[in-house]
Structure formats: structure tokens, C-alpha cells
C-alpha atoms as a PDB file:
ATOM      1  CA  MET A   1     -52.492  -0.396 -76.812  1.00  0.00           C
ATOM      2  CA  ASN A   2     -49.199  -1.379 -75.303  1.00  0.00           C
ATOM      3  CA  LEU A   3     -46.813  -4.204 -76.050  1.00  0.00           C
ATOM      4  CA  ASP A   4     -47.346  -5.902 -72.686  1.00  0.00           C
ATOM      5  CA  ALA A   5     -51.063  -6.196 -73.440  1.00  0.00           C
ATOM      6  CA  VAL A   6     -50.323  -7.766 -76.828  1.00  0.00           C
ATOM      7  CA  ASN A   7     -47.759 -10.168 -75.362  1.00  0.00           C
ATOM      8  CA  SER A   8     -50.209 -11.298 -72.691  1.00  0.00           C
ATOM      9  CA  MET A   9     -53.043 -11.984 -75.140  1.00  0.00           C
ATOM     10  CA  SER A  10     -54.304 -15.509 -75.434  1.00  0.00           C
ATOM     11  CA  TYR A  11     -54.183 -17.129 -78.838  1.00  0.00           C
ATOM     12  CA  GLU A  12     -57.903 -16.427 -79.298  1.00  0.00           C
ATOM     13  CA  GLN A  13     -57.587 -12.772 -78.275  1.00  0.00           C
ATOM     14  CA  PHE A  14     -54.621 -12.238 -80.602  1.00  0.00           C
ATOM     15  CA  LEU A  15     -56.551 -13.809 -83.471  1.00  0.00           C
ATOM     16  CA  ASP A  16     -59.639 -11.701 -82.681  1.00  0.00           C
ATOM     17  CA  ILE A  17     -57.612  -8.494 -82.836  1.00  0.00           C
ATOM     18  CA  PHE A  18     -54.973  -9.212 -85.507  1.00  0.00           C
ATOM     19  CA  GLY A  19     -56.638 -12.035 -87.452  1.00  0.00           C
ATOM     20  CA  ASN A  20     -57.353 -10.033 -90.603  1.00  0.00           C
ATOM     21  CA  ILE A  21     -54.157  -8.021 -90.988  1.00  0.00           C
ATOM     22  CA  ILE A  22     -53.670 -10.218 -94.055  1.00  0.00           C
ATOM     23  CA  GLU A  23     -57.058 -10.470 -95.763  1.00  0.00           C
ATOM     24  CA  LYS A  24     -58.846 -13.698 -94.777  1.00  0.00           C
ATOM     25  CA  CYS A  25     -55.558 -15.382 -93.770  1.00  0.00           C
ATOM     26  CA  PRO A  26     -55.755 -15.831 -89.994  1.00  0.00           C
ATOM     27  CA  ILE A  27     -53.318 -18.745 -90.226  1.00  0.00           C
ATOM     28  CA  ILE A  28     -50.550 -16.196 -90.794  1.00  0.00           C
ATOM     29  CA  THR A  29     -51.564 -14.304 -87.664  1.00  0.00           C
ATOM     30  CA  ALA A  30     -51.707 -17.591 -85.764  1.00  0.00           C
ATOM     31  CA  ALA A  31     -48.152 -18.441 -86.827  1.00  0.00           C
ATOM     32  CA  VAL A  32     -46.932 -15.016 -85.729  1.00  0.00           C
ATOM     33  CA  TRP A  33     -48.590 -15.348 -82.283  1.00  0.00           C
ATOM     34  CA  SER A  34     -46.260 -18.259 -81.534  1.00  0.00           C
ATOM     35  CA  ARG A  35     -43.281 -15.862 -81.727  1.00  0.00           C
ATOM     36  CA  ARG A  36     -44.324 -13.996 -78.569  1.00  0.00           C
ATOM     37  CA  PRO A  37     -43.086 -12.182 -76.626  1.00  0.00           C
ATOM     38  CA  PHE A  38     -42.572  -9.360 -79.079  1.00  0.00           C
ATOM     39  CA  SER A  39     -40.019  -6.686 -78.285  1.00  0.00           C
ATOM     40  CA  SER A  40     -41.758  -4.183 -80.590  1.00  0.00           C
ATOM     41  CA  PHE A  41     -44.827  -3.853 -82.766  1.00  0.00           C
ATOM     42  CA  GLY A  42     -42.482  -3.901 -85.751  1.00  0.00           C
ATOM     43  CA  GLU A  43     -41.625  -7.465 -84.768  1.00  0.00           C
ATOM     44  CA  VAL A  44     -45.251  -8.466 -85.315  1.00  0.00           C
ATOM     45  CA  GLU A  45     -45.161  -7.040 -88.828  1.00  0.00           C
ATOM     46  CA  ASP A  46     -41.726  -8.516 -89.523  1.00  0.00           C
ATOM     47  CA  GLY A  47     -43.045 -11.928 -88.504  1.00  0.00           C
ATOM     48  CA  VAL A  48     -45.903 -11.623 -90.978  1.00  0.00           C
ATOM     49  CA  HIS A  49     -43.540 -10.577 -93.759  1.00  0.00           C
ATOM     50  CA  GLU A  50     -41.116 -13.411 -93.010  1.00  0.00           C
ATOM     51  CA  PHE A  51     -43.965 -15.922 -93.044  1.00  0.00           C
ATOM     52  CA  ILE A  52     -45.163 -14.656 -96.424  1.00  0.00           C
ATOM     53  CA  GLU A  53     -41.671 -14.645 -97.890  1.00  0.00           C
ATOM     54  CA  SER A  54     -41.119 -18.239 -96.758  1.00  0.00           C
ATOM     55  CA  LEU A  55     -44.114 -19.441 -98.778  1.00  0.00           C
ATOM     56  CA  PRO A  56     -43.742 -21.063-102.181  1.00  0.00           C
ATOM     57  CA  ILE A  57     -45.186 -19.245-105.192  1.00  0.00           C
ATOM     58  CA  SER A  58     -48.464 -21.148-104.842  1.00  0.00           C
ATOM     59  CA  GLY A  59     -48.816 -19.943-101.233  1.00  0.00           C
ATOM     60  CA  LYS A  60     -48.207 -16.335-102.225  1.00  0.00           C
ATOM     61  CA  GLU A  61     -50.756 -16.681-105.019  1.00  0.00           C
ATOM     62  CA  GLY A  62     -53.154 -18.101-102.422  1.00  0.00           C
ATOM     63  CA  ILE A  63     -52.755 -14.994-100.276  1.00  0.00           C
ATOM     64  CA  LEU A  64     -53.607 -12.843-103.281  1.00  0.00           C
ATOM     65  CA  ARG A  65     -56.643 -15.015-104.071  1.00  0.00           C
ATOM     66  CA  CYS A  66     -58.033 -14.236-100.596  1.00  0.00           C
ATOM     67  CA  HIS A  67     -58.470 -10.601-101.613  1.00  0.00           C
ATOM     68  CA  PRO A  68     -61.766  -9.430-103.086  1.00  0.00           C
ATOM     69  CA  ASP A  69     -62.198  -7.809-106.459  1.00  0.00           C
ATOM     70  CA  LEU A  70     -62.174  -4.053-106.054  1.00  0.00           C
ATOM     71  CA  ALA A  71     -65.757  -2.755-106.235  1.00  0.00           C
ATOM     72  CA  GLY A  72     -66.800  -6.323-106.991  1.00  0.00           C
ATOM     73  CA  ARG A  73     -69.592  -8.633-105.952  1.00  0.00           C
ATOM     74  CA  GLU A  74     -68.519  -8.745-102.295  1.00  0.00           C
ATOM     75  CA  LEU A  75     -68.763  -4.964-102.015  1.00  0.00           C
ATOM     76  CA  THR A  76     -72.202  -4.778-103.612  1.00  0.00           C
ATOM     77  CA  SER A  77     -73.520  -7.737-101.600  1.00  0.00           C
ATOM     78  CA  GLY A  78     -72.123  -6.400 -98.314  1.00  0.00           C
ATOM     79  CA  THR A  79     -69.938  -9.442 -97.636  1.00  0.00           C
ATOM     80  CA  LEU A  80     -66.566  -7.688 -97.570  1.00  0.00           C
ATOM     81  CA  THR A  81     -64.544  -7.834 -94.386  1.00  0.00           C
ATOM     82  CA  MET A  82     -64.926  -4.735 -92.239  1.00  0.00           C
ATOM     83  CA  GLU A  83     -61.374  -3.656 -93.138  1.00  0.00           C
ATOM     84  CA  SER A  84     -61.829  -4.068 -96.908  1.00  0.00           C
ATOM     85  CA  GLN A  85     -65.169  -2.303 -96.829  1.00  0.00           C
ATOM     86  CA  GLU A  86     -63.629   0.749 -95.160  1.00  0.00           C
ATOM     87  CA  GLU A  87     -60.568   0.727 -97.446  1.00  0.00           C
ATOM     88  CA  GLN A  88     -62.694   0.532-100.600  1.00  0.00           C
ATOM     89  CA  ARG A  89     -65.057   3.211 -99.317  1.00  0.00           C
ATOM     90  CA  ARG A  90     -62.172   5.593 -98.577  1.00  0.00           C
ATOM     91  CA  ALA A  91     -60.776   5.003-102.082  1.00  0.00           C
ATOM     92  CA  GLY A  92     -64.112   6.061-103.576  1.00  0.00           C
ATOM     93  CA  LEU A  93     -65.047   2.621-104.861  1.00  0.00           C
ATOM     94  CA  THR A  94     -68.493   2.735-103.256  1.00  0.00           C
ATOM     95  CA  SER A  95     -69.473   5.768-105.308  1.00  0.00           C
ATOM     96  CA  LEU A  96     -68.461   4.754-108.825  1.00  0.00           C
ATOM     97  CA  THR A  97     -70.521   5.840-111.797  1.00  0.00           C
ATOM     98  CA  SER A  98     -72.036   3.031-113.852  1.00  0.00           C
ATOM     99  CA  GLN A  99     -69.337   3.560-116.521  1.00  0.00           C
ATOM    100  CA  GLU A 100     -66.543   3.413-113.919  1.00  0.00           C
ATOM    101  CA  ARG A 101     -68.009   0.253-112.392  1.00  0.00           C
ATOM    102  CA  GLU A 102     -68.305  -1.366-115.811  1.00  0.00           C
ATOM    103  CA  ARG A 103     -64.693  -0.483-116.701  1.00  0.00           C
ATOM    104  CA  LEU A 104     -63.382  -1.700-113.355  1.00  0.00           C
ATOM    105  CA  THR A 105     -65.313  -4.969-113.693  1.00  0.00           C
ATOM    106  CA  LEU A 106     -63.846  -5.518-117.164  1.00  0.00           C
ATOM    107  CA  LEU A 107     -60.300  -4.748-115.977  1.00  0.00           C
ATOM    108  CA  ASN A 108     -60.707  -6.999-112.922  1.00  0.00           C
ATOM    109  CA  THR A 109     -61.859  -9.846-115.176  1.00  0.00           C
ATOM    110  CA  GLN A 110     -58.960  -9.378-117.608  1.00  0.00           C
ATOM    111  CA  TYR A 111     -56.507  -9.247-114.726  1.00  0.00           C
ATOM    112  CA  LYS A 112     -57.786 -12.448-113.082  1.00  0.00           C
ATOM    113  CA  GLU A 113     -57.802 -14.259-116.430  1.00  0.00           C
ATOM    114  CA  LYS A 114     -54.176 -13.293-117.051  1.00  0.00           C
ATOM    115  CA  PHE A 115     -52.722 -13.796-113.560  1.00  0.00           C
ATOM    116  CA  GLY A 116     -55.064 -16.234-111.814  1.00  0.00           C
ATOM    117  CA  PHE A 117     -55.636 -14.000-108.781  1.00  0.00           C
ATOM    118  CA  PRO A 118     -57.405 -10.672-108.149  1.00  0.00           C
ATOM    119  CA  PHE A 119     -55.733  -7.313-108.575  1.00  0.00           C
ATOM    120  CA  VAL A 120     -54.406  -6.177-105.196  1.00  0.00           C
ATOM    121  CA  ILE A 121     -53.510  -2.599-104.405  1.00  0.00           C
ATOM    122  CA  CYS A 122     -53.376  -0.790-101.096  1.00  0.00           C
ATOM    123  CA  ALA A 123     -56.674   1.026-101.595  1.00  0.00           C
ATOM    124  CA  LYS A 124     -56.040   3.127 -98.510  1.00  0.00           C
ATOM    125  CA  MET A 125     -53.120   4.746-100.343  1.00  0.00           C
ATOM    126  CA  ALA A 126     -55.068   5.314-103.566  1.00  0.00           C
ATOM    127  CA  ASP A 127     -58.241   6.708-105.011  1.00  0.00           C
ATOM    128  CA  LYS A 128     -60.458   5.301-107.730  1.00  0.00           C
ATOM    129  CA  ASP A 129     -58.556   7.083-110.508  1.00  0.00           C
ATOM    130  CA  LYS A 130     -55.176   5.801-109.344  1.00  0.00           C
ATOM    131  CA  ILE A 131     -56.629   2.304-108.945  1.00  0.00           C
ATOM    132  CA  MET A 132     -57.923   2.320-112.541  1.00  0.00           C
ATOM    133  CA  ARG A 133     -54.571   3.594-113.867  1.00  0.00           C
ATOM    134  CA  GLU A 134     -52.584   1.035-111.874  1.00  0.00           C
ATOM    135  CA  LEU A 135     -54.853  -1.811-112.877  1.00  0.00           C
ATOM    136  CA  SER A 136     -54.543  -0.906-116.565  1.00  0.00           C
ATOM    137  CA  ALA A 137     -50.766  -0.539-116.317  1.00  0.00           C
ATOM    138  CA  ARG A 138     -50.188  -3.691-114.289  1.00  0.00           C
ATOM    139  CA  LEU A 139     -52.122  -5.771-116.806  1.00  0.00           C
ATOM    140  CA  GLN A 140     -49.027  -5.368-119.001  1.00  0.00           C
ATOM    141  CA  ASN A 141     -46.719  -7.015-116.436  1.00  0.00           C
ATOM    142  CA  ASP A 142     -45.188 -10.441-116.568  1.00  0.00           C
ATOM    143  CA  PRO A 143     -46.869 -12.841-114.081  1.00  0.00           C
ATOM    144  CA  SER A 144     -43.711 -13.182-111.955  1.00  0.00           C
ATOM    145  CA  VAL A 145     -43.387  -9.398-111.676  1.00  0.00           C
ATOM    146  CA  GLU A 146     -47.070  -9.034-110.866  1.00  0.00           C
ATOM    147  CA  LEU A 147     -46.828 -11.622-108.088  1.00  0.00           C
ATOM    148  CA  LEU A 148     -44.054  -9.591-106.445  1.00  0.00           C
ATOM    149  CA  ILE A 149     -45.990  -6.331-106.801  1.00  0.00           C
ATOM    150  CA  GLY A 150     -49.165  -7.939-105.428  1.00  0.00           C
ATOM    151  CA  ILE A 151     -47.322  -9.284-102.379  1.00  0.00           C
ATOM    152  CA  ASP A 152     -45.723  -5.874-101.785  1.00  0.00           C
ATOM    153  CA  GLU A 153     -49.222  -4.354-101.830  1.00  0.00           C
ATOM    154  CA  VAL A 154     -50.386  -6.989 -99.316  1.00  0.00           C
ATOM    155  CA  LYS A 155     -47.535  -5.930 -97.040  1.00  0.00           C
ATOM    156  CA  LYS A 156     -48.592  -2.265 -97.310  1.00  0.00           C
ATOM    157  CA  ILE A 157     -52.157  -3.219 -96.423  1.00  0.00           C
ATOM    158  CA  CYS A 158     -50.874  -5.268 -93.467  1.00  0.00           C
ATOM    159  CA  HIS A 159     -48.775  -2.364 -92.212  1.00  0.00           C
ATOM    160  CA  LEU A 160     -51.715   0.042 -92.306  1.00  0.00           C
ATOM    161  CA  ARG A 161     -54.070  -2.455 -90.676  1.00  0.00           C
ATOM    162  CA  ILE A 162     -51.620  -2.978 -87.815  1.00  0.00           C
ATOM    163  CA  GLN A 163     -51.330   0.804 -87.447  1.00  0.00           C
ATOM    164  CA  ASP A 164     -55.127   1.070 -87.309  1.00  0.00           C
ATOM    165  CA  ILE A 165     -55.268  -1.577 -84.569  1.00  0.00           C
ATOM    166  CA  LEU A 166     -52.600   0.187 -82.541  1.00  0.00           C
ATOM    167  CA  CYS A 167     -54.432   3.525 -82.877  1.00  0.00           C
ATOM    168  CA  LYS A 168     -57.708   1.923 -81.816  1.00  0.00           C
ATOM    169  CA  GLY A 169     -56.565   0.411 -78.549  1.00  0.00           C
ATOM    170  CA  SER A 170     -60.190   0.252 -77.541  1.00  0.00           C
ATOM    171  CA  LEU A 171     -60.471  -2.870 -79.707  1.00  0.00           C
ATOM    172  CA  LEU A 172     -58.700  -4.810 -76.990  1.00  0.00           C
ATOM    173  CA  PRO A 173     -60.884  -7.215 -75.077  1.00  0.00           C
ATOM    174  CA  THR A 174     -61.831  -5.878 -71.653  1.00  0.00           C
ATOM    175  CA  LYS A 175     -60.411  -9.024 -69.985  1.00  0.00           C
ATOM    176  CA  LEU A 176     -56.819  -7.846 -70.478  1.00  0.00           C
END
């Protein structure tokens, strides 16, 4: 995929390709599209980060609430986004033992009760053991610290999703 192709995308095409770089938040992608033309792919990512940073605390919490519980109901029911499904599969969350699933469910519940949003970690950069350790450790954080960590994890996920899109140029609509 080249930058000219991205810059010439219609709003709908851009949303089709980049709409889930932030989980279930296509409005962020839509806001970034208006910044075209981009001089680099890094500018796309920078635009997303700037948008997120400009949000009030409630908006950042909203972004975190768009993420699914790890190995939660959406995974078992098959309703995860394609990106989340692949990320959780690669982290080993689709092959948990019953004890691991039970522990993760308990930790997810405790986390959401304490912070008001799901635990977010860049699953693509972790495995199930690291996820369990991080979740247990982060439960000890202050809510303001955890919000910052969660948003940093969202940015990591965004970066890797953009990289995946760029590596899979075949995702571009044939009309370009």
C-alpha cells in the first residue's frame, strides 16, 4: 500500500480499511481522514494519538470501554472484531484451561469493578501468562494511573493494527 492510495481514498474507503485501528471507535478514524493528505503513515498514527489525547477523561474511559474482556463472552460467542479475535488467539487466550479461564474471568470482573472499564493490554505483544501477571499487578494501580496505562496500550494496539494494514496492501478496494 502506498501513501498516494491512502490519500486518494474516499471517506468510506478509508473507514473500511482503517475503521477499527482503535477498537470499535470509527469516529476517531473519521476525524483523522479529514487531515488528508498525509505526508507519511506516521502522520495517520499521530493524528489518532492527538485525537485521543485531546479527549477528556470520560472520552478516554469510553475508548477503553469499547474493548472486550480478554477471553470473555465476545470471544466464546464469536462476536469479537476480526482484529481482536486474531490478537486474542495469538496470545493463547482461545486455548485456556478451565482453571485459567475461571481465573481470568474473576480478574476481569475485579478490574472492571475497580476501574469502570475492561482491562486493556496489547495482546499481540503478550501471551496468556504475561496477561494474567499484568492484570493481577495492574489491579493494584490507582485509577488515574490505570487510565494512562490503558490508553498507552490502546496506542500500541493501534500502531500494530496500522502496521498490519500496511503489510496487507491487498485489503485495499480494487477501485483505487
